Protein backbone atom coordinates (compact mmCIF):
# COMPACT_ATOMS: atom_id res chain seq x y z
CA UNK A 1 1.27 -5.06 -8.59
CA UNK A 2 -1.15 -7.85 -8.07
CA UNK A 3 -2.76 -6.19 -5.03
CA UNK A 4 -3.52 -2.92 -7.09
CA UNK A 5 -5.00 -4.56 -10.10
CA UNK A 6 -8.56 -4.87 -8.77
CA UNK A 7 -8.58 -1.15 -8.10
CA UNK A 8 -7.14 -0.29 -11.27
CA UNK A 9 -9.73 -2.40 -13.04
CA UNK A 10 -12.48 -0.66 -10.89
CA UNK A 11 -11.23 2.83 -11.94
CA UNK A 12 -10.97 1.73 -15.63
CA UNK A 13 -14.53 0.56 -15.58
CA UNK A 14 -15.66 3.85 -14.12
CA UNK A 15 -13.76 5.72 -17.11
CA UNK A 16 -11.07 7.32 -14.71
CA UNK A 17 -7.62 7.96 -15.74
CA UNK A 18 -4.84 6.08 -13.82
CA UNK A 19 -1.11 6.56 -13.16
CA UNK A 20 1.16 3.87 -11.93
CA UNK A 21 4.32 4.26 -9.81
CA UNK A 22 6.78 1.59 -9.54
CA UNK A 23 10.06 1.41 -7.53
CA UNK A 24 12.90 0.83 -10.08
CA UNK A 25 15.93 1.04 -7.84
CA UNK A 26 16.95 1.15 -4.42
CA UNK A 27 20.29 2.20 -3.19
CA UNK A 28 21.31 1.46 0.45
CA UNK A 29 18.47 0.82 2.86
CA UNK A 30 15.04 1.34 1.38
CA UNK A 31 11.49 0.75 2.53
CA UNK A 32 10.40 -1.59 -0.42
CA UNK A 33 12.09 -3.51 -3.14
CA UNK A 34 12.02 -2.76 -6.85
CA UNK A 35 8.77 -3.67 -8.21
CA UNK A 36 6.73 -2.25 -5.40
CA UNK A 37 3.66 -0.49 -7.01
CA UNK A 38 1.19 2.21 -6.38
CA UNK A 39 -1.59 3.19 -8.58
CA UNK A 40 -3.33 6.66 -8.47
CA UNK A 41 -6.60 7.64 -10.05
CA UNK A 42 -7.18 11.06 -11.41
CA UNK A 43 -9.30 12.05 -8.52
CA UNK A 44 -6.42 11.23 -6.07
CA UNK A 45 -7.43 7.85 -4.62
CA UNK A 46 -4.35 5.45 -4.22
CA UNK A 47 -3.82 1.86 -4.08
CA UNK A 48 -0.53 -0.19 -3.13
CA UNK A 49 2.60 1.32 -1.68
CA UNK A 50 6.03 2.26 -3.07
CA UNK A 51 7.54 3.20 0.45
CA UNK A 52 5.33 1.69 3.20
CA UNK A 53 4.08 5.16 3.78
CA UNK A 54 7.08 7.43 4.15
CA UNK A 55 6.81 9.11 0.52
CA UNK A 56 3.41 8.15 -0.71
CA UNK A 57 2.03 11.57 -0.36
CA UNK A 58 4.96 12.93 -2.53
CA UNK A 59 4.37 10.02 -5.18
CA UNK A 60 0.66 10.77 -5.38
CA UNK A 61 1.54 14.27 -6.11
CA UNK A 62 3.79 13.35 -8.93
CA UNK A 63 1.36 10.79 -10.12
CA UNK A 64 -1.30 13.56 -10.47
CA UNK A 65 1.27 15.77 -12.25
CA UNK A 66 2.07 13.02 -14.68
CA UNK A 67 -1.88 12.57 -15.46
CA UNK A 68 -2.09 16.17 -15.97
CA UNK A 69 0.87 16.28 -18.38
CA UNK A 70 0.74 13.00 -19.92
CA UNK A 71 4.68 12.62 -19.58
CA UNK A 72 6.09 9.75 -17.50
CA UNK A 73 8.91 10.67 -15.18
CA UNK A 74 11.67 9.15 -12.95
CA UNK A 75 11.69 10.66 -9.51
CA UNK A 76 14.26 9.92 -6.56
CA UNK A 77 13.79 10.23 -2.95
CA UNK A 78 16.73 9.88 -0.40
CA UNK A 79 17.95 10.60 2.96
CA UNK A 80 20.06 13.50 1.86
CA UNK A 81 17.30 14.81 -0.14
CA UNK A 82 15.50 17.65 1.94
CA UNK A 83 12.04 16.99 0.40
CA UNK A 84 12.48 13.39 0.93
CA UNK A 85 13.42 13.70 4.73
CA UNK A 86 10.54 16.28 4.92
CA UNK A 87 8.18 13.68 3.87
CA UNK A 88 9.61 10.95 5.85
CA UNK A 89 12.05 8.88 4.12
CA UNK A 90 14.44 8.23 6.98
CA UNK A 91 15.67 4.96 6.17
CA UNK A 92 19.02 6.04 5.03
CA UNK A 93 18.93 4.96 1.38
CA UNK A 94 17.51 6.28 -1.82
CA UNK A 95 14.50 4.97 -4.08
CA UNK A 96 13.95 5.83 -7.75
CA UNK A 97 10.38 5.51 -8.80
CA UNK A 98 8.90 5.63 -12.43
CA UNK A 99 5.64 7.21 -12.87
CA UNK A 100 3.60 6.77 -15.94
CA UNK A 101 -0.07 7.26 -16.98
CA UNK A 102 -1.78 4.05 -17.92
CA UNK A 103 -2.99 4.01 -21.50
CA UNK A 104 -6.11 1.91 -22.12
């Protein structure tokens, strides 16, 4: 989280809305440990990483949806999940990510 705080503050100072995605659980082999964080601004800029690159695009889409709806959500990506495999999560495990809008 520390490595995204500077970007979050920059976006906040510019009046931009931000969503934060955090890995909350990993089953089996996963690219990042729980606590890994990615922040996404309302215009699609991203900072940090929840998967080392393999599902970042899908998480970015979820974050933008959360900003649009205002409703936090849990999303999971795993090797047996066709969508996760299509976006590159080939490590054999499952990660669950909590995505929420930041409220200033």
